[in-house]
Amino acid sequence: MGKLRKPVEPVLPPVYDPYYPEIALRGLMTLIPGLKAYIGRIPKLVVDGGYYAKTQENRPLIGPLPVEGACVIGALSGFGLMASPAAGELLAAHVTGSALPRYAPAFALERYKDPEYQKLLENWGATGQL
């Protein structure tokens, strides 16, 4: 099971390993084979990002917010590349008023208001970290 991590205060600006951009690019080549064309001629890479936003149980937030007309897709915490198409489809259903799949409440912000869900979180155990 994953090790439970405590939230930390961000350090600004973030400090990055200078090899991270190339390592990430090489890792992405397994998902996007066309990136292999950059091997041997990798341009100067810039990391534009920072910290992963994640919920306590590492489940994304997808759906409307308490502010009228505002929605969120967030807390994808490291699996956004894989989950973003489905997250976008779910959010589009919210926005257009289409029928929601039965699992939609599992990603809604309102889940934290549910006392049963709060009990579940107390005993969640693993962080769900991929």
N, C-alpha and C. Protein backbone atom coordinates (compact mmCIF):
# COMPACT_ATOMS: atom_id res chain seq x y z
N MET A 1 0.84 -1.18 0.00
CA MET A 1 0.00 0.00 0.00
C MET A 1 0.88 1.25 0.00
N GLY A 2 0.35 2.32 -0.54
CA GLY A 2 1.10 3.57 -0.61
C GLY A 2 1.35 4.17 0.76
N LYS A 3 2.41 4.91 0.87
CA LYS A 3 2.76 5.57 2.10
C LYS A 3 1.98 6.88 2.19
N LEU A 4 1.29 7.10 3.30
CA LEU A 4 0.52 8.31 3.47
C LEU A 4 1.46 9.50 3.60
N ARG A 5 1.27 10.48 2.75
CA ARG A 5 2.10 11.67 2.76
C ARG A 5 1.35 12.80 3.42
N LYS A 6 2.06 13.59 4.19
CA LYS A 6 1.47 14.75 4.83
C LYS A 6 1.55 15.93 3.87
N PRO A 7 0.53 16.77 3.85
CA PRO A 7 0.61 17.99 3.01
C PRO A 7 1.82 18.83 3.44
N VAL A 8 2.43 19.48 2.48
CA VAL A 8 3.58 20.34 2.76
C VAL A 8 3.34 21.72 2.19
N GLU A 9 3.98 22.69 2.79
CA GLU A 9 3.93 24.04 2.26
C GLU A 9 4.82 24.09 1.02
N PRO A 10 4.36 24.73 -0.03
CA PRO A 10 5.19 24.81 -1.23
C PRO A 10 6.42 25.68 -1.01
N VAL A 11 7.49 25.33 -1.70
CA VAL A 11 8.71 26.14 -1.71
C VAL A 11 8.69 26.88 -3.04
N LEU A 12 8.76 28.19 -2.97
CA LEU A 12 8.70 28.99 -4.20
C LEU A 12 9.97 29.78 -4.38
N PRO A 13 10.54 29.78 -5.55
CA PRO A 13 10.16 28.95 -6.69
C PRO A 13 10.56 27.50 -6.46
N PRO A 14 9.85 26.57 -7.12
CA PRO A 14 10.22 25.16 -6.97
C PRO A 14 11.63 24.90 -7.48
N VAL A 15 12.29 23.92 -6.91
CA VAL A 15 13.64 23.53 -7.32
C VAL A 15 13.52 22.22 -8.09
N TYR A 16 14.10 22.16 -9.27
CA TYR A 16 14.00 20.99 -10.13
C TYR A 16 15.35 20.37 -10.40
N ASP A 17 15.34 19.07 -10.58
CA ASP A 17 16.52 18.36 -11.03
C ASP A 17 16.77 18.81 -12.47
N PRO A 18 17.99 19.22 -12.82
CA PRO A 18 18.23 19.71 -14.18
C PRO A 18 18.01 18.65 -15.26
N TYR A 19 18.01 17.37 -14.90
CA TYR A 19 17.79 16.30 -15.87
C TYR A 19 16.31 15.94 -16.01
N TYR A 20 15.46 16.50 -15.16
CA TYR A 20 14.05 16.14 -15.19
C TYR A 20 13.40 16.32 -16.56
N PRO A 21 13.58 17.45 -17.25
CA PRO A 21 12.90 17.60 -18.55
C PRO A 21 13.23 16.47 -19.54
N GLU A 22 14.51 16.09 -19.63
CA GLU A 22 14.87 15.03 -20.56
C GLU A 22 14.33 13.69 -20.10
N ILE A 23 14.37 13.42 -18.81
CA ILE A 23 13.84 12.16 -18.28
C ILE A 23 12.34 12.08 -18.56
N ALA A 24 11.63 13.17 -18.34
CA ALA A 24 10.18 13.19 -18.58
C ALA A 24 9.88 13.00 -20.06
N LEU A 25 10.66 13.66 -20.92
CA LEU A 25 10.46 13.52 -22.36
C LEU A 25 10.68 12.07 -22.80
N ARG A 26 11.72 11.46 -22.30
CA ARG A 26 12.00 10.06 -22.65
C ARG A 26 10.91 9.14 -22.13
N GLY A 27 10.37 9.43 -20.96
CA GLY A 27 9.26 8.65 -20.43
C GLY A 27 8.00 8.80 -21.27
N LEU A 28 7.75 10.01 -21.74
CA LEU A 28 6.57 10.27 -22.57
C LEU A 28 6.64 9.56 -23.91
N MET A 29 7.84 9.24 -24.35
CA MET A 29 7.99 8.57 -25.64
C MET A 29 7.28 7.23 -25.67
N THR A 30 7.07 6.61 -24.51
CA THR A 30 6.34 5.34 -24.50
C THR A 30 4.86 5.57 -24.80
N LEU A 31 4.35 6.75 -24.43
CA LEU A 31 2.95 7.09 -24.70
C LEU A 31 2.79 7.77 -26.05
N ILE A 32 3.80 8.56 -26.42
CA ILE A 32 3.74 9.34 -27.66
C ILE A 32 5.01 9.04 -28.45
N PRO A 33 5.01 7.94 -29.22
CA PRO A 33 6.22 7.51 -29.93
C PRO A 33 6.83 8.57 -30.84
N GLY A 34 6.05 9.49 -31.35
CA GLY A 34 6.57 10.53 -32.24
C GLY A 34 7.61 11.42 -31.57
N LEU A 35 7.65 11.43 -30.26
CA LEU A 35 8.64 12.24 -29.55
C LEU A 35 10.06 11.69 -29.72
N LYS A 36 10.18 10.46 -30.21
CA LYS A 36 11.51 9.88 -30.44
C LYS A 36 12.32 10.72 -31.43
N ALA A 37 11.65 11.49 -32.24
CA ALA A 37 12.34 12.35 -33.21
C ALA A 37 13.23 13.38 -32.53
N TYR A 38 13.00 13.65 -31.26
CA TYR A 38 13.80 14.65 -30.54
C TYR A 38 15.07 14.08 -29.91
N ILE A 39 15.22 12.76 -29.90
CA ILE A 39 16.43 12.17 -29.33
C ILE A 39 17.63 12.62 -30.15
N GLY A 40 18.65 13.07 -29.47
CA GLY A 40 19.86 13.55 -30.14
C GLY A 40 19.76 15.01 -30.55
N ARG A 41 18.60 15.59 -30.50
CA ARG A 41 18.45 17.01 -30.83
C ARG A 41 17.37 17.65 -29.94
N ILE A 42 17.43 17.28 -28.67
CA ILE A 42 16.46 17.81 -27.72
C ILE A 42 16.70 19.31 -27.53
N PRO A 43 15.70 20.11 -27.76
CA PRO A 43 15.86 21.56 -27.53
C PRO A 43 15.98 21.83 -26.04
N LYS A 44 16.39 23.05 -25.71
CA LYS A 44 16.45 23.44 -24.30
C LYS A 44 15.03 23.32 -23.75
N LEU A 45 14.89 22.48 -22.74
CA LEU A 45 13.57 22.24 -22.18
C LEU A 45 13.36 23.09 -20.93
N VAL A 46 12.15 23.50 -20.75
CA VAL A 46 11.77 24.30 -19.59
C VAL A 46 10.65 23.57 -18.87
N VAL A 47 10.79 23.41 -17.57
CA VAL A 47 9.72 22.82 -16.78
C VAL A 47 8.77 23.95 -16.40
N ASP A 48 7.54 23.84 -16.83
CA ASP A 48 6.53 24.84 -16.51
C ASP A 48 5.49 24.15 -15.65
N GLY A 49 5.69 24.20 -14.40
CA GLY A 49 4.77 23.51 -13.50
C GLY A 49 5.28 23.59 -12.09
N GLY A 50 4.71 22.78 -11.28
CA GLY A 50 5.11 22.85 -9.87
C GLY A 50 4.62 21.64 -9.12
N TYR A 51 3.77 21.88 -8.19
CA TYR A 51 3.34 20.84 -7.28
C TYR A 51 2.09 20.13 -7.79
N TYR A 52 1.99 18.85 -7.44
CA TYR A 52 0.77 18.11 -7.72
C TYR A 52 -0.29 18.52 -6.71
N ALA A 53 -1.47 18.81 -7.20
CA ALA A 53 -2.61 19.03 -6.32
C ALA A 53 -3.33 17.71 -6.19
N LYS A 54 -3.58 17.29 -4.97
CA LYS A 54 -4.26 16.02 -4.78
C LYS A 54 -5.17 16.08 -3.58
N THR A 55 -6.20 15.29 -3.63
CA THR A 55 -7.12 15.18 -2.51
C THR A 55 -6.56 14.18 -1.51
N GLN A 56 -7.17 14.12 -0.34
CA GLN A 56 -6.70 13.21 0.70
C GLN A 56 -6.63 11.77 0.21
N GLU A 57 -7.63 11.34 -0.55
CA GLU A 57 -7.68 9.97 -1.02
C GLU A 57 -7.15 9.82 -2.45
N ASN A 58 -6.60 10.90 -2.99
CA ASN A 58 -6.01 10.92 -4.33
C ASN A 58 -7.04 10.60 -5.41
N ARG A 59 -8.26 11.08 -5.21
CA ARG A 59 -9.32 10.93 -6.21
C ARG A 59 -9.57 12.32 -6.80
N PRO A 60 -9.62 12.45 -8.12
CA PRO A 60 -9.80 13.77 -8.74
C PRO A 60 -11.09 14.47 -8.32
N LEU A 61 -11.09 15.77 -8.53
CA LEU A 61 -12.28 16.60 -8.38
C LEU A 61 -12.79 16.92 -9.77
N ILE A 62 -14.03 16.55 -10.07
CA ILE A 62 -14.60 16.81 -11.39
C ILE A 62 -16.06 17.17 -11.21
N GLY A 63 -16.41 18.40 -11.56
CA GLY A 63 -17.81 18.79 -11.47
C GLY A 63 -17.98 20.24 -11.09
N PRO A 64 -19.22 20.60 -10.78
CA PRO A 64 -19.52 21.99 -10.44
C PRO A 64 -18.94 22.38 -9.09
N LEU A 65 -18.70 23.68 -8.94
CA LEU A 65 -18.23 24.27 -7.69
C LEU A 65 -19.38 25.05 -7.06
N PRO A 66 -19.22 25.47 -5.81
CA PRO A 66 -20.29 26.22 -5.15
C PRO A 66 -20.60 27.58 -5.80
N VAL A 67 -19.68 28.11 -6.58
CA VAL A 67 -19.90 29.38 -7.28
C VAL A 67 -20.67 29.09 -8.56
N GLU A 68 -21.80 29.74 -8.74
CA GLU A 68 -22.65 29.46 -9.91
C GLU A 68 -21.87 29.61 -11.21
N GLY A 69 -21.96 28.59 -12.05
CA GLY A 69 -21.31 28.61 -13.35
C GLY A 69 -19.85 28.16 -13.34
N ALA A 70 -19.28 27.93 -12.18
CA ALA A 70 -17.88 27.51 -12.08
C ALA A 70 -17.80 26.00 -11.92
N CYS A 71 -16.83 25.40 -12.61
CA CYS A 71 -16.61 23.96 -12.54
C CYS A 71 -15.13 23.69 -12.35
N VAL A 72 -14.81 22.45 -12.04
CA VAL A 72 -13.41 22.09 -11.81
C VAL A 72 -13.11 20.72 -12.41
N ILE A 73 -11.93 20.62 -12.97
CA ILE A 73 -11.26 19.34 -13.21
C ILE A 73 -9.90 19.57 -12.55
N GLY A 74 -9.66 18.86 -11.48
CA GLY A 74 -8.41 19.09 -10.76
C GLY A 74 -8.04 17.91 -9.91
N ALA A 75 -6.89 18.05 -9.27
CA ALA A 75 -6.35 17.04 -8.37
C ALA A 75 -6.13 15.71 -9.10
N LEU A 76 -5.68 15.80 -10.35
CA LEU A 76 -5.38 14.58 -11.11
C LEU A 76 -4.05 13.98 -10.69
N SER A 77 -3.26 14.71 -9.96
CA SER A 77 -2.05 14.31 -9.25
C SER A 77 -1.18 13.23 -9.88
N GLY A 78 -0.79 13.43 -11.09
CA GLY A 78 0.18 12.51 -11.68
C GLY A 78 -0.40 11.54 -12.68
N PHE A 79 -1.71 11.47 -12.79
CA PHE A 79 -2.28 10.61 -13.81
C PHE A 79 -3.20 11.39 -14.74
N GLY A 80 -2.97 12.70 -14.83
CA GLY A 80 -3.80 13.57 -15.67
C GLY A 80 -3.74 13.24 -17.14
N LEU A 81 -2.59 12.86 -17.63
CA LEU A 81 -2.46 12.52 -19.05
C LEU A 81 -3.37 11.34 -19.40
N MET A 82 -3.48 10.41 -18.49
CA MET A 82 -4.33 9.24 -18.73
C MET A 82 -5.80 9.54 -18.45
N ALA A 83 -6.08 10.33 -17.41
CA ALA A 83 -7.46 10.52 -16.95
C ALA A 83 -8.16 11.72 -17.58
N SER A 84 -7.42 12.65 -18.16
CA SER A 84 -8.04 13.88 -18.63
C SER A 84 -9.12 13.68 -19.70
N PRO A 85 -9.00 12.75 -20.64
CA PRO A 85 -10.11 12.59 -21.59
C PRO A 85 -11.42 12.20 -20.90
N ALA A 86 -11.37 11.24 -19.99
CA ALA A 86 -12.58 10.83 -19.28
C ALA A 86 -13.07 11.93 -18.35
N ALA A 87 -12.13 12.65 -17.72
CA ALA A 87 -12.51 13.76 -16.84
C ALA A 87 -13.22 14.84 -17.64
N GLY A 88 -12.72 15.14 -18.82
CA GLY A 88 -13.36 16.13 -19.69
C GLY A 88 -14.74 15.71 -20.12
N GLU A 89 -14.90 14.43 -20.41
CA GLU A 89 -16.21 13.91 -20.80
C GLU A 89 -17.20 14.03 -19.63
N LEU A 90 -16.75 13.70 -18.43
CA LEU A 90 -17.61 13.81 -17.25
C LEU A 90 -17.99 15.26 -16.98
N LEU A 91 -17.02 16.17 -17.07
CA LEU A 91 -17.33 17.57 -16.84
C LEU A 91 -18.28 18.11 -17.91
N ALA A 92 -18.09 17.68 -19.16
CA ALA A 92 -18.98 18.11 -20.23
C ALA A 92 -20.42 17.68 -19.94
N ALA A 93 -20.60 16.50 -19.37
CA ALA A 93 -21.95 16.04 -19.01
C ALA A 93 -22.55 16.95 -17.94
N HIS A 94 -21.72 17.36 -16.96
CA HIS A 94 -22.20 18.30 -15.95
C HIS A 94 -22.62 19.62 -16.59
N VAL A 95 -21.76 20.15 -17.43
CA VAL A 95 -21.99 21.48 -18.03
C VAL A 95 -23.21 21.48 -18.95
N THR A 96 -23.39 20.43 -19.71
CA THR A 96 -24.48 20.39 -20.68
C THR A 96 -25.78 19.87 -20.10
N GLY A 97 -25.74 19.42 -18.85
CA GLY A 97 -26.95 18.88 -18.24
C GLY A 97 -27.30 17.49 -18.74
N SER A 98 -26.34 16.81 -19.34
CA SER A 98 -26.56 15.44 -19.82
C SER A 98 -26.66 14.48 -18.64
N ALA A 99 -27.13 13.29 -18.92
CA ALA A 99 -27.20 12.27 -17.87
C ALA A 99 -25.80 11.99 -17.36
N LEU A 100 -25.66 11.95 -16.05
CA LEU A 100 -24.37 11.66 -15.44
C LEU A 100 -24.23 10.17 -15.18
N PRO A 101 -23.02 9.63 -15.33
CA PRO A 101 -22.81 8.22 -14.99
C PRO A 101 -22.99 8.04 -13.48
N ARG A 102 -23.27 6.84 -13.06
CA ARG A 102 -23.53 6.60 -11.64
C ARG A 102 -22.31 6.87 -10.75
N TYR A 103 -21.12 6.86 -11.33
CA TYR A 103 -19.91 7.12 -10.54
C TYR A 103 -19.61 8.61 -10.38
N ALA A 104 -20.35 9.49 -11.02
CA ALA A 104 -20.06 10.93 -10.97
C ALA A 104 -19.93 11.48 -9.55
N PRO A 105 -20.78 11.08 -8.59
CA PRO A 105 -20.63 11.62 -7.23
C PRO A 105 -19.27 11.30 -6.58
N ALA A 106 -18.61 10.24 -7.02
CA ALA A 106 -17.30 9.87 -6.45
C ALA A 106 -16.24 10.91 -6.74
N PHE A 107 -16.48 11.79 -7.73
CA PHE A 107 -15.51 12.81 -8.10
C PHE A 107 -15.98 14.22 -7.77
N ALA A 108 -17.18 14.35 -7.25
CA ALA A 108 -17.75 15.67 -6.96
C ALA A 108 -17.20 16.24 -5.66
N LEU A 109 -17.05 17.55 -5.62
CA LEU A 109 -16.59 18.22 -4.40
C LEU A 109 -17.54 17.96 -3.24
N GLU A 110 -18.83 17.82 -3.52
CA GLU A 110 -19.83 17.62 -2.48
C GLU A 110 -19.63 16.34 -1.69
N ARG A 111 -18.81 15.42 -2.20
CA ARG A 111 -18.60 14.16 -1.48
C ARG A 111 -18.05 14.40 -0.09
N TYR A 112 -17.34 15.50 0.10
CA TYR A 112 -16.75 15.79 1.41
C TYR A 112 -17.77 16.26 2.43
N LYS A 113 -18.98 16.58 2.00
CA LYS A 113 -20.05 16.97 2.92
C LYS A 113 -20.81 15.74 3.44
N ASP A 114 -20.60 14.60 2.83
CA ASP A 114 -21.30 13.38 3.18
C ASP A 114 -20.65 12.73 4.41
N PRO A 115 -21.41 12.60 5.53
CA PRO A 115 -20.83 12.00 6.74
C PRO A 115 -20.31 10.57 6.51
N GLU A 116 -20.99 9.81 5.66
CA GLU A 116 -20.52 8.44 5.37
C GLU A 116 -19.18 8.46 4.65
N TYR A 117 -19.01 9.41 3.75
CA TYR A 117 -17.74 9.53 3.03
C TYR A 117 -16.64 9.97 4.00
N GLN A 118 -16.96 10.86 4.92
CA GLN A 118 -15.98 11.28 5.92
C GLN A 118 -15.51 10.09 6.76
N LYS A 119 -16.43 9.21 7.13
CA LYS A 119 -16.04 8.00 7.87
C LYS A 119 -15.14 7.12 7.02
N LEU A 120 -15.48 7.00 5.75
CA LEU A 120 -14.65 6.21 4.83
C LEU A 120 -13.23 6.78 4.76
N LEU A 121 -13.12 8.10 4.70
CA LEU A 121 -11.80 8.74 4.63
C LEU A 121 -10.96 8.48 5.88
N GLU A 122 -11.61 8.42 7.03
CA GLU A 122 -10.88 8.19 8.29
C GLU A 122 -10.13 6.87 8.26
N ASN A 123 -10.66 5.91 7.53
CA ASN A 123 -10.07 4.56 7.48
C ASN A 123 -9.56 4.20 6.09
N TRP A 124 -9.31 5.21 5.28
CA TRP A 124 -8.97 4.96 3.87
C TRP A 124 -7.70 4.12 3.74
N GLY A 125 -6.69 4.41 4.56
CA GLY A 125 -5.44 3.65 4.50
C GLY A 125 -4.51 4.17 3.43
N ALA A 126 -4.39 3.44 2.33
CA ALA A 126 -3.48 3.82 1.25
C ALA A 126 -3.90 5.13 0.61
N THR A 127 -2.94 5.82 0.01
CA THR A 127 -3.20 7.11 -0.60
C THR A 127 -3.72 6.99 -2.03
N GLY A 128 -3.66 5.83 -2.61
CA GLY A 128 -4.06 5.68 -4.01
C GLY A 128 -3.01 6.20 -4.97
N GLN A 129 -1.82 6.49 -4.46
CA GLN A 129 -0.76 7.01 -5.31
C GLN A 129 -0.37 5.99 -6.36
N LEU A 130 -0.31 6.43 -7.61
CA LEU A 130 0.09 5.53 -8.68
C LEU A 130 1.59 5.42 -8.75
